[in-house]
Amino acid sequence: MANTVRISDLDFVFISYREPNADENYADLLNIVPWAKRVHGVRGFDNAHKAAAEKSETDFFISIDGDNRIDPAFLLQTLDWTKTNPKAVHRWRAKNSINGLIYGNGGIVGWPKNTCLEMKTHENAEDEQAKIDFCWTVPHENLHNVYSTTMINHTPEQAFIAGYREGVKMSLDKGKKVKPEEFMQTIQPFNLRTLLTWMSVGADADNGKWAILGARCGCYMATLDSNYDVTLVSDLEFMSNKFSRMMMDIESDMQSYGNSLRQRLGLPVADLDAEQSRFYKFCQTPHRNKGVQDRE
């Protein structure tokens, strides 16, 4: 592999499953990256990313989630392999369309093709930690810059599932469940702040309350239901069926889960209305990009 490579010389693969806004997001991507390929409908995160790797004709490729819209400025960047590990997954941050959070969730990902093909995660995992996310068993470079927006509020179901999955994952310690009495002392400060934002902010956004409810429900199940299997968040078909089966009154359920989390975990979950959510997001320090390979 050469020491440098232009982003515009890499293959891009759009990975979609059942995102309701996937087609319009792919059309937007093609306007920016006309050579972008697509993998659609492959069940399982590991399987879908391996299918993307098979489509790539470059040794390092870029994956774009079905609910993600990229910043054209990303195409102007050049990667220098003396700055980061060329065999590691490169994950850039994204801005969340509901709560304004900026972190790796839903962002652009750069994959060494061989690393992707050889990994065993999620549905193919041999290690318990690997069933939840890529980051625990696959080498990662978590990078500072933001080059996309994760658009996860097209429908109530999409918003709920996005919130639920992060509610579960942010309630774990290195992919493992945490005892309720140890929760506040065990969860990493960044993850705790991120979790609380998911569970409190976004009433001003379309379907934002569904994401808030999903996050509260996910945190509750992961922490307060001893029989809950946290690996189920990796099965999007299961998650969709779960949403369809749930009989929800969004306002009363938000209150019910919020009260349980406050009382049983000591979490300062806030019931912010639309105006308060807008104020919270307005007061956040604006993100400033640095070098494309600067780490978090």
C-alpha atoms as a PDB file:
ATOM      1  CA  MET A   1       0.000   0.000   0.000  1.00  0.00           C
ATOM      2  CA  ALA A   2       1.319   3.463  -0.918  1.00  0.00           C
ATOM      3  CA  ASN A   3       2.055   5.880   1.936  1.00  0.00           C
ATOM      4  CA  THR A   4      -0.734   8.222   0.855  1.00  0.00           C
ATOM      5  CA  VAL A   5      -4.072   7.793  -0.882  1.00  0.00           C
ATOM      6  CA  ARG A   6      -6.699  10.314  -1.897  1.00  0.00           C
ATOM      7  CA  ILE A   7     -10.177   9.627  -0.565  1.00  0.00           C
ATOM      8  CA  SER A   8     -11.489  10.268  -4.067  1.00  0.00           C
ATOM      9  CA  ASP A   9      -9.453   7.290  -5.336  1.00  0.00           C
ATOM     10  CA  LEU A  10     -11.142   4.837  -2.969  1.00  0.00           C
ATOM     11  CA  ASP A  11     -14.205   2.691  -3.498  1.00  0.00           C
ATOM     12  CA  PHE A  12     -17.327   3.751  -1.594  1.00  0.00           C
ATOM     13  CA  VAL A  13     -19.947   1.155  -0.665  1.00  0.00           C
ATOM     14  CA  PHE A  14     -23.383   2.182   0.615  1.00  0.00           C
ATOM     15  CA  ILE A  15     -24.741  -0.451   3.029  1.00  0.00           C
ATOM     16  CA  SER A  16     -28.509  -0.458   3.505  1.00  0.00           C
ATOM     17  CA  TYR A  17     -30.958  -2.904   5.009  1.00  0.00           C
ATOM     18  CA  ARG A  18     -34.424  -1.522   5.676  1.00  0.00           C
ATOM     19  CA  GLU A  19     -33.804   2.162   6.393  1.00  0.00           C
ATOM     20  CA  PRO A  20     -36.882   4.073   5.145  1.00  0.00           C
ATOM     21  CA  ASN A  21     -34.708   6.894   3.764  1.00  0.00           C
ATOM     22  CA  ALA A  22     -32.022   4.667   2.224  1.00  0.00           C
ATOM     23  CA  ASP A  23     -32.936   5.278  -1.421  1.00  0.00           C
ATOM     24  CA  GLU A  24     -32.867   9.055  -1.107  1.00  0.00           C
ATOM     25  CA  ASN A  25     -29.635   8.895   0.889  1.00  0.00           C
ATOM     26  CA  TYR A  26     -28.043   6.713  -1.791  1.00  0.00           C
ATOM     27  CA  ALA A  27     -29.189   9.154  -4.475  1.00  0.00           C
ATOM     28  CA  ASP A  28     -27.573  11.956  -2.481  1.00  0.00           C
ATOM     29  CA  LEU A  29     -24.352   9.936  -2.200  1.00  0.00           C
ATOM     30  CA  LEU A  30     -24.281   9.308  -5.959  1.00  0.00           C
ATOM     31  CA  ASN A  31     -24.438  13.052  -6.564  1.00  0.00           C
ATOM     32  CA  ILE A  32     -21.223  13.370  -4.534  1.00  0.00           C
ATOM     33  CA  VAL A  33     -19.572  10.009  -5.294  1.00  0.00           C
ATOM     34  CA  PRO A  34     -20.877   8.827  -8.701  1.00  0.00           C
ATOM     35  CA  TRP A  35     -18.833   5.608  -8.488  1.00  0.00           C
ATOM     36  CA  ALA A  36     -20.371   4.519  -5.175  1.00  0.00           C
ATOM     37  CA  LYS A  37     -21.594   0.914  -5.047  1.00  0.00           C
ATOM     38  CA  ARG A  38     -24.408  -0.500  -2.953  1.00  0.00           C
ATOM     39  CA  VAL A  39     -25.035  -3.561  -0.809  1.00  0.00           C
ATOM     40  CA  HIS A  40     -28.697  -3.906   0.149  1.00  0.00           C
ATOM     41  CA  GLY A  41     -30.709  -6.345   2.222  1.00  0.00           C
ATOM     42  CA  VAL A  42     -27.897  -8.547   3.541  1.00  0.00           C
ATOM     43  CA  ARG A  43     -28.934  -9.719   7.000  1.00  0.00           C
ATOM     44  CA  GLY A  44     -26.330  -9.338   9.729  1.00  0.00           C
ATOM     45  CA  PHE A  45     -23.780  -6.580  10.298  1.00  0.00           C
ATOM     46  CA  ASP A  46     -20.777  -8.851   9.752  1.00  0.00           C
ATOM     47  CA  ASN A  47     -22.253 -10.388   6.604  1.00  0.00           C
ATOM     48  CA  ALA A  48     -23.236  -7.016   5.149  1.00  0.00           C
ATOM     49  CA  HIS A  49     -19.792  -5.517   5.644  1.00  0.00           C
ATOM     50  CA  LYS A  50     -18.112  -8.570   4.166  1.00  0.00           C
ATOM     51  CA  ALA A  51     -20.404  -8.215   1.142  1.00  0.00           C
ATOM     52  CA  ALA A  52     -19.267  -4.592   0.888  1.00  0.00           C
ATOM     53  CA  ALA A  53     -15.621  -5.672   1.035  1.00  0.00           C
ATOM     54  CA  GLU A  54     -16.250  -8.146  -1.776  1.00  0.00           C
ATOM     55  CA  LYS A  55     -17.625  -5.327  -3.931  1.00  0.00           C
ATOM     56  CA  SER A  56     -14.626  -3.104  -3.305  1.00  0.00           C
ATOM     57  CA  GLU A  57     -11.870  -3.070  -5.900  1.00  0.00           C
ATOM     58  CA  THR A  58      -9.548  -1.040  -3.662  1.00  0.00           C
ATOM     59  CA  ASP A  59      -7.562  -2.474  -0.740  1.00  0.00           C
ATOM     60  CA  PHE A  60      -9.047   0.180   1.545  1.00  0.00           C
ATOM     61  CA  PHE A  61     -12.680   1.196   1.058  1.00  0.00           C
ATOM     62  CA  ILE A  62     -15.243   3.555   2.571  1.00  0.00           C
ATOM     63  CA  SER A  63     -18.588   2.324   3.904  1.00  0.00           C
ATOM     64  CA  ILE A  64     -21.610   4.589   4.239  1.00  0.00           C
ATOM     65  CA  ASP A  65     -24.600   3.496   6.316  1.00  0.00           C
ATOM     66  CA  GLY A  66     -28.063   3.576   4.790  1.00  0.00           C
ATOM     67  CA  ASP A  67     -29.139   6.412   7.097  1.00  0.00           C
ATOM     68  CA  ASN A  68     -26.048   8.570   6.553  1.00  0.00           C
ATOM     69  CA  ARG A  69     -25.457  11.679   4.412  1.00  0.00           C
ATOM     70  CA  ILE A  70     -21.898  12.758   3.783  1.00  0.00           C
ATOM     71  CA  ASP A  71     -20.173  16.126   3.548  1.00  0.00           C
ATOM     72  CA  PRO A  72     -18.576  16.613   0.094  1.00  0.00           C
ATOM     73  CA  ALA A  73     -15.490  17.994   1.884  1.00  0.00           C
ATOM     74  CA  PHE A  74     -14.600  14.403   2.759  1.00  0.00           C
ATOM     75  CA  LEU A  75     -13.708  13.791  -0.891  1.00  0.00           C
ATOM     76  CA  LEU A  76     -11.009  16.467  -0.740  1.00  0.00           C
ATOM     77  CA  GLN A  77      -9.003  14.661   1.954  1.00  0.00           C
ATOM     78  CA  THR A  78      -5.851  12.549   1.593  1.00  0.00           C
ATOM     79  CA  LEU A  79      -4.901   9.730   3.961  1.00  0.00           C
ATOM     80  CA  ASP A  80      -1.287   9.410   5.080  1.00  0.00           C
ATOM     81  CA  TRP A  81      -0.577   5.898   6.347  1.00  0.00           C
ATOM     82  CA  THR A  82       2.363   7.084   8.449  1.00  0.00           C
ATOM     83  CA  LYS A  83      -0.162   8.782  10.767  1.00  0.00           C
ATOM     84  CA  THR A  84      -2.535   5.910  11.541  1.00  0.00           C
ATOM     85  CA  ASN A  85      -2.558   2.120  11.401  1.00  0.00           C
ATOM     86  CA  PRO A  86      -3.403   1.122   7.802  1.00  0.00           C
ATOM     87  CA  LYS A  87      -4.715  -2.254   9.003  1.00  0.00           C
ATOM     88  CA  ALA A  88      -7.194  -0.681  11.428  1.00  0.00           C
ATOM     89  CA  VAL A  89     -10.779   0.387  10.850  1.00  0.00           C
ATOM     90  CA  HIS A  90     -10.946   4.193  10.543  1.00  0.00           C
ATOM     91  CA  ARG A  91     -14.105   5.676  12.038  1.00  0.00           C
ATOM     92  CA  TRP A  92     -14.995   9.336  11.623  1.00  0.00           C
ATOM     93  CA  ARG A  93     -17.624  11.099  13.690  1.00  0.00           C
ATOM     94  CA  ALA A  94     -21.137  11.984  12.556  1.00  0.00           C
ATOM     95  CA  LYS A  95     -23.678  14.517  13.784  1.00  0.00           C
ATOM     96  CA  ASN A  96     -26.963  13.082  15.016  1.00  0.00           C
ATOM     97  CA  SER A  97     -30.081  14.530  13.353  1.00  0.00           C
ATOM     98  CA  ILE A  98     -32.181  14.294  16.535  1.00  0.00           C
ATOM     99  CA  ASN A  99     -30.064  15.282  19.522  1.00  0.00           C
ATOM    100  CA  GLY A 100     -27.023  16.918  17.919  1.00  0.00           C
ATOM    101  CA  LEU A 101     -24.570  14.438  19.440  1.00  0.00           C
ATOM    102  CA  ILE A 102     -21.233  14.189  17.647  1.00  0.00           C
ATOM    103  CA  TYR A 103     -19.413  10.870  17.942  1.00  0.00           C
ATOM    104  CA  GLY A 104     -18.655   7.722  15.961  1.00  0.00           C
ATOM    105  CA  ASN A 105     -22.194   6.349  15.862  1.00  0.00           C
ATOM    106  CA  GLY A 106     -23.437   6.207  12.274  1.00  0.00           C
ATOM    107  CA  GLY A 107     -20.385   7.933  10.820  1.00  0.00           C
ATOM    108  CA  ILE A 108     -18.254   7.258   7.763  1.00  0.00           C
ATOM    109  CA  VAL A 109     -16.009   4.209   8.158  1.00  0.00           C
ATOM    110  CA  GLY A 110     -12.832   3.299   6.316  1.00  0.00           C
ATOM    111  CA  TRP A 111     -12.078  -0.414   6.042  1.00  0.00           C
ATOM    112  CA  PRO A 112      -8.898  -2.291   5.158  1.00  0.00           C
ATOM    113  CA  LYS A 113     -10.428  -4.920   2.889  1.00  0.00           C
ATOM    114  CA  ASN A 114      -8.553  -7.870   4.402  1.00  0.00           C
ATOM    115  CA  THR A 115      -9.365  -6.800   7.962  1.00  0.00           C
ATOM    116  CA  CYS A 116     -13.049  -6.694   7.062  1.00  0.00           C
ATOM    117  CA  LEU A 117     -13.025 -10.086   5.341  1.00  0.00           C
ATOM    118  CA  GLU A 118     -11.159 -11.787   8.184  1.00  0.00           C
ATOM    119  CA  MET A 119     -13.072 -10.360  11.180  1.00  0.00           C
ATOM    120  CA  LYS A 120     -15.719 -12.366  13.019  1.00  0.00           C
ATOM    121  CA  THR A 121     -18.267 -10.092  14.658  1.00  0.00           C
ATOM    122  CA  HIS A 122     -21.977  -9.851  15.436  1.00  0.00           C
ATOM    123  CA  GLU A 123     -23.790 -12.894  13.968  1.00  0.00           C
ATOM    124  CA  ASN A 124     -20.456 -14.598  13.168  1.00  0.00           C
ATOM    125  CA  ALA A 125     -18.721 -13.770  16.455  1.00  0.00           C
ATOM    126  CA  GLU A 126     -16.746 -16.331  18.420  1.00  0.00           C
ATOM    127  CA  ASP A 127     -16.159 -13.848  21.261  1.00  0.00           C
ATOM    128  CA  GLU A 128     -19.029 -12.511  23.396  1.00  0.00           C
ATOM    129  CA  GLN A 129     -17.803  -8.910  23.129  1.00  0.00           C
ATOM    130  CA  ALA A 130     -17.738  -9.108  19.334  1.00  0.00           C
ATOM    131  CA  LYS A 131     -21.477  -9.853  19.201  1.00  0.00           C
ATOM    132  CA  ILE A 132     -22.355  -6.264  20.138  1.00  0.00           C
ATOM    133  CA  ASP A 133     -20.075  -4.077  18.015  1.00  0.00           C
ATOM    134  CA  PHE A 134     -17.004  -4.056  15.787  1.00  0.00           C
ATOM    135  CA  CYS A 135     -14.931  -1.924  18.130  1.00  0.00           C
ATOM    136  CA  TRP A 136     -14.190  -4.483  20.853  1.00  0.00           C
ATOM    137  CA  THR A 137     -12.285  -7.029  18.760  1.00  0.00           C
ATOM    138  CA  VAL A 138     -11.311  -5.276  15.514  1.00  0.00           C
ATOM    139  CA  PRO A 139      -8.446  -2.713  15.568  1.00  0.00           C
ATOM    140  CA  HIS A 140      -9.876   0.814  15.387  1.00  0.00           C
ATOM    141  CA  GLU A 141      -8.702   4.352  14.756  1.00  0.00           C
ATOM    142  CA  ASN A 142     -11.361   6.626  16.263  1.00  0.00           C
ATOM    143  CA  LEU A 143     -10.939   9.958  14.530  1.00  0.00           C
ATOM    144  CA  HIS A 144     -11.849  13.515  15.482  1.00  0.00           C
ATOM    145  CA  ASN A 145     -13.393  14.972  12.351  1.00  0.00           C
ATOM    146  CA  VAL A 146     -17.070  15.054  11.383  1.00  0.00           C
ATOM    147  CA  TYR A 147     -17.903  14.362   7.743  1.00  0.00           C
ATOM    148  CA  SER A 148     -21.545  13.270   7.814  1.00  0.00           C
ATOM    149  CA  THR A 149     -24.973  13.468   9.430  1.00  0.00           C
ATOM    150  CA  THR A 150     -26.749  10.336  10.596  1.00  0.00           C
ATOM    151  CA  MET A 151     -30.398  10.800   9.561  1.00  0.00           C
ATOM    152  CA  ILE A 152     -32.260   8.481  11.902  1.00  0.00           C
ATOM    153  CA  ASN A 153     -35.650  10.192  12.317  1.00  0.00           C
ATOM    154  CA  HIS A 154     -37.482   9.503   9.038  1.00  0.00           C
ATOM    155  CA  THR A 155     -40.120   7.363  10.812  1.00  0.00           C
ATOM    156  CA  PRO A 156     -41.062   6.560  14.427  1.00  0.00           C
ATOM    157  CA  GLU A 157     -39.704   3.019  14.030  1.00  0.00           C
ATOM    158  CA  GLN A 158     -36.348   4.170  12.674  1.00  0.00           C
ATOM    159  CA  ALA A 159     -35.934   6.694  15.489  1.00  0.00           C
ATOM    160  CA  PHE A 160     -37.011   4.239  18.188  1.00  0.00           C
ATOM    161  CA  ILE A 161     -34.633   1.499  17.012  1.00  0.00           C
ATOM    162  CA  ALA A 162     -31.717   3.935  16.732  1.00  0.00           C
ATOM    163  CA  GLY A 163     -32.350   5.166  20.271  1.00  0.00           C
ATOM    164  CA  TYR A 164     -32.917   1.677  21.644  1.00  0.00           C
ATOM    165  CA  ARG A 165     -29.687   0.275  20.192  1.00  0.00           C
ATOM    166  CA  GLU A 166     -27.601   3.121  21.607  1.00  0.00           C
ATOM    167  CA  GLY A 167     -29.490   2.925  24.893  1.00  0.00           C
ATOM    168  CA  VAL A 168     -28.342  -0.676  25.213  1.00  0.00           C
ATOM    169  CA  LYS A 169     -24.779  -0.217  23.956  1.00  0.00           C
ATOM    170  CA  MET A 170     -24.066   2.882  26.048  1.00  0.00           C
ATOM    171  CA  SER A 171     -25.272   0.995  29.136  1.00  0.00           C
ATOM    172  CA  LEU A 172     -22.595  -1.699  28.766  1.00  0.00           C
ATOM    173  CA  ASP A 173     -19.014  -1.801  29.994  1.00  0.00           C
ATOM    174  CA  LYS A 174     -16.820  -3.063  27.143  1.00  0.00           C
ATOM    175  CA  GLY A 175     -19.802  -4.943  25.750  1.00  0.00           C
ATOM    176  CA  LYS A 176     -20.817  -6.524  29.062  1.00  0.00           C
ATOM    177  CA  LYS A 177     -23.830  -5.894  31.294  1.00  0.00           C
ATOM    178  CA  VAL A 178     -23.362  -3.835  34.442  1.00  0.00           C
ATOM    179  CA  LYS A 179     -25.021  -4.456  37.800  1.00  0.00           C
ATOM    180  CA  PRO A 180     -27.571  -1.721  38.618  1.00  0.00           C
ATOM    181  CA  GLU A 181     -25.864  -0.847  41.898  1.00  0.00           C
ATOM    182  CA  GLU A 182     -22.539  -0.356  40.071  1.00  0.00           C
ATOM    183  CA  PHE A 183     -23.905   1.489  37.044  1.00  0.00           C
ATOM    184  CA  MET A 184     -23.024   5.093  37.885  1.00  0.00           C
ATOM    185  CA  GLN A 185     -19.502   4.163  38.973  1.00  0.00           C
ATOM    186  CA  THR A 186     -18.767   1.799  36.069  1.00  0.00           C
ATOM    187  CA  ILE A 187     -20.011   3.444  32.871  1.00  0.00           C
ATOM    188  CA  GLN A 188     -17.359   5.641  31.262  1.00  0.00           C
ATOM    189  CA  PRO A 189     -18.088   9.396  31.669  1.00  0.00           C
ATOM    190  CA  PHE A 190     -18.336  10.036  27.905  1.00  0.00           C
ATOM    191  CA  ASN A 191     -20.723   7.106  27.455  1.00  0.00           C
ATOM    192  CA  LEU A 192     -22.799   8.248  30.416  1.00  0.00           C
ATOM    193  CA  ARG A 193     -23.150  11.783  29.023  1.00  0.00           C
ATOM    194  CA  THR A 194     -23.981  10.380  25.595  1.00  0.00           C
ATOM    195  CA  LEU A 195     -26.589   8.029  27.056  1.00  0.00           C
ATOM    196  CA  LEU A 196     -28.227  10.820  29.053  1.00  0.00           C
ATOM    197  CA  THR A 197     -28.380  13.023  25.963  1.00  0.00           C
ATOM    198  CA  TRP A 198     -30.090  10.262  23.972  1.00  0.00           C
ATOM    199  CA  MET A 199     -32.602   9.818  26.807  1.00  0.00           C
ATOM    200  CA  SER A 200     -33.313  13.532  27.289  1.00  0.00           C
ATOM    201  CA  VAL A 201     -32.762  15.650  24.155  1.00  0.00           C
ATOM    202  CA  GLY A 202     -34.587  15.790  20.836  1.00  0.00           C
ATOM    203  CA  ALA A 203     -38.254  16.608  21.408  1.00  0.00           C
ATOM    204  CA  ASP A 204     -37.876  19.398  18.836  1.00  0.00           C
ATOM    205  CA  ALA A 205     -36.970  16.990  16.008  1.00  0.00           C
ATOM    206  CA  ASP A 206     -39.375  14.973  13.874  1.00  0.00           C
ATOM    207  CA  ASN A 207     -39.903  11.651  15.671  1.00  0.00           C
ATOM    208  CA  GLY A 208     -37.383  12.763  18.273  1.00  0.00           C
ATOM    209  CA  LYS A 209     -39.480  11.553  21.180  1.00  0.00           C
ATOM    210  CA  TRP A 210     -39.416   8.054  19.713  1.00  0.00           C
ATOM    211  CA  ALA A 211     -35.618   8.066  19.886  1.00  0.00           C
ATOM    212  CA  ILE A 212     -35.768   9.297  23.483  1.00  0.00           C
ATOM    213  CA  LEU A 213     -38.231   6.534  24.379  1.00  0.00           C
ATOM    214  CA  GLY A 214     -36.104   3.946  22.576  1.00  0.00           C
ATOM    215  CA  ALA A 215     -32.972   4.991  24.455  1.00  0.00           C
ATOM    216  CA  ARG A 216     -34.746   4.860  27.813  1.00  0.00           C
ATOM    217  CA  CYS A 217     -36.234   1.473  27.004  1.00  0.00           C
ATOM    218  CA  GLY A 218     -32.864   0.106  25.820  1.00  0.00           C
ATOM    219  CA  CYS A 219     -31.061   1.297  28.943  1.00  0.00           C
ATOM    220  CA  TYR A 220     -33.783  -0.183  31.147  1.00  0.00           C
ATOM    221  CA  MET A 221     -33.662  -3.578  29.433  1.00  0.00           C
ATOM    222  CA  ALA A 222     -29.861  -3.783  29.401  1.00  0.00           C
ATOM    223  CA  THR A 223     -29.495  -2.834  33.053  1.00  0.00           C
ATOM    224  CA  LEU A 224     -32.661  -3.721  34.944  1.00  0.00           C
ATOM    225  CA  ASP A 225     -33.869  -6.866  33.144  1.00  0.00           C
ATOM    226  CA  SER A 226     -31.492  -9.627  34.257  1.00  0.00           C
ATOM    227  CA  ASN A 227     -32.771 -12.023  31.579  1.00  0.00           C
ATOM    228  CA  TYR A 228     -32.372  -9.655  28.642  1.00  0.00           C
ATOM    229  CA  ASP A 229     -29.983 -10.740  25.866  1.00  0.00           C
ATOM    230  CA  VAL A 230     -28.131  -7.571  24.847  1.00  0.00           C
ATOM    231  CA  THR A 231     -26.847  -9.150  21.609  1.00  0.00           C
ATOM    232  CA  LEU A 232     -30.362  -8.902  20.160  1.00  0.00           C
ATOM    233  CA  VAL A 233     -29.689  -5.248  19.282  1.00  0.00           C
ATOM    234  CA  SER A 234     -27.543  -6.539  16.406  1.00  0.00           C
ATOM    235  CA  ASP A 235     -30.559  -8.265  14.820  1.00  0.00           C
ATOM    236  CA  LEU A 236     -32.405  -5.514  12.950  1.00  0.00           C
ATOM    237  CA  GLU A 237     -35.226  -7.878  11.958  1.00  0.00           C
ATOM    238  CA  PHE A 238     -35.795  -8.693  15.615  1.00  0.00           C
ATOM    239  CA  MET A 239     -35.698  -4.994  16.499  1.00  0.00           C
ATOM    240  CA  SER A 240     -38.312  -4.171  13.864  1.00  0.00           C
ATOM    241  CA  ASN A 241     -40.583  -6.953  15.106  1.00  0.00           C
ATOM    242  CA  LYS A 242     -40.098  -5.754  18.679  1.00  0.00           C
ATOM    243  CA  PHE A 243     -41.230  -2.257  17.722  1.00  0.00           C
ATOM    244  CA  SER A 244     -44.271  -3.651  15.897  1.00  0.00           C
ATOM    245  CA  ARG A 245     -45.295  -5.766  18.906  1.00  0.00           C
ATOM    246  CA  MET A 246     -44.969  -3.023  21.488  1.00  0.00           C
ATOM    247  CA  MET A 247     -48.140  -1.205  22.510  1.00  0.00           C
ATOM    248  CA  MET A 248     -46.808   2.264  23.258  1.00  0.00           C
ATOM    249  CA  ASP A 249     -48.275   5.461  24.612  1.00  0.00           C
ATOM    250  CA  ILE A 250     -45.214   7.583  23.980  1.00  0.00           C
ATOM    251  CA  GLU A 251     -45.790  10.218  26.662  1.00  0.00           C
ATOM    252  CA  SER A 252     -46.696   7.848  29.485  1.00  0.00           C
ATOM    253  CA  ASP A 253     -44.005   5.334  28.494  1.00  0.00           C
ATOM    254  CA  MET A 254     -41.332   8.039  28.433  1.00  0.00           C
ATOM    255  CA  GLN A 255     -42.393   9.040  31.945  1.00  0.00           C
ATOM    256  CA  SER A 256     -42.528   5.447  33.167  1.00  0.00           C
ATOM    257  CA  TYR A 257     -39.075   4.485  31.894  1.00  0.00           C
ATOM    258  CA  GLY A 258     -37.627   7.837  32.938  1.00  0.00           C
ATOM    259  CA  ASN A 259     -38.911   7.468  36.493  1.00  0.00           C
ATOM    260  CA  SER A 260     -37.564   3.913  36.748  1.00  0.00           C
ATOM    261  CA  LEU A 261     -34.106   4.965  35.564  1.00  0.00           C
ATOM    262  CA  ARG A 262     -34.021   7.923  37.945  1.00  0.00           C
ATOM    263  CA  GLN A 263     -35.175   5.900  40.934  1.00  0.00           C
ATOM    264  CA  ARG A 264     -33.320   2.626  40.369  1.00  0.00           C
ATOM    265  CA  LEU A 265     -30.074   3.791  38.747  1.00  0.00           C
ATOM    266  CA  GLY A 266     -29.832   7.367  39.986  1.00  0.00           C
ATOM    267  CA  LEU A 267     -29.626   8.647  36.415  1.00  0.00           C
ATOM    268  CA  PRO A 268     -30.501  12.359  36.041  1.00  0.00           C
ATOM    269  CA  VAL A 269     -32.750  11.765  33.029  1.00  0.00           C
ATOM    270  CA  ALA A 270     -34.348  15.072  31.976  1.00  0.00           C
ATOM    271  CA  ASP A 271     -37.758  15.556  30.363  1.00  0.00           C
ATOM    272  CA  LEU A 272     -36.797  18.388  28.019  1.00  0.00           C
ATOM    273  CA  ASP A 273     -39.530  19.829  25.807  1.00  0.00           C
ATOM    274  CA  ALA A 274     -38.949  21.077  22.256  1.00  0.00           C
ATOM    275  CA  GLU A 275     -37.847  24.571  23.273  1.00  0.00           C
ATOM    276  CA  GLN A 276     -35.494  23.249  25.930  1.00  0.00           C
ATOM    277  CA  SER A 277     -34.009  20.737  23.478  1.00  0.00           C
ATOM    278  CA  ARG A 278     -33.347  23.483  20.939  1.00  0.00           C
ATOM    279  CA  PHE A 279     -31.699  25.574  23.662  1.00  0.00           C
ATOM    280  CA  TYR A 280     -29.507  22.664  24.799  1.00  0.00           C
ATOM    281  CA  LYS A 281     -28.268  22.012  21.260  1.00  0.00           C
ATOM    282  CA  PHE A 282     -27.705  25.699  20.547  1.00  0.00           C
ATOM    283  CA  CYS A 283     -25.466  26.002  23.609  1.00  0.00           C
ATOM    284  CA  GLN A 284     -23.173  23.129  22.647  1.00  0.00           C
ATOM    285  CA  THR A 285     -19.645  24.129  21.621  1.00  0.00           C
ATOM    286  CA  PRO A 286     -19.428  24.059  17.801  1.00  0.00           C
ATOM    287  CA  HIS A 287     -17.288  21.210  16.510  1.00  0.00           C
ATOM    288  CA  ARG A 288     -14.146  22.188  14.610  1.00  0.00           C
ATOM    289  CA  ASN A 289     -12.471  19.767  12.251  1.00  0.00           C
ATOM    290  CA  LYS A 290      -8.711  19.275  12.365  1.00  0.00           C
ATOM    291  CA  GLY A 291      -6.596  16.899  10.298  1.00  0.00           C
ATOM    292  CA  VAL A 292      -8.442  14.034   8.623  1.00  0.00           C
ATOM    293  CA  GLN A 293      -6.458  11.475  10.658  1.00  0.00           C
ATOM    294  CA  ASP A 294      -6.319  13.334  13.960  1.00  0.00           C
ATOM    295  CA  ARG A 295      -7.554  11.018  16.692  1.00  0.00           C
ATOM    296  CA  GLU A 296     -10.338  11.746  19.148  1.00  0.00           C
END
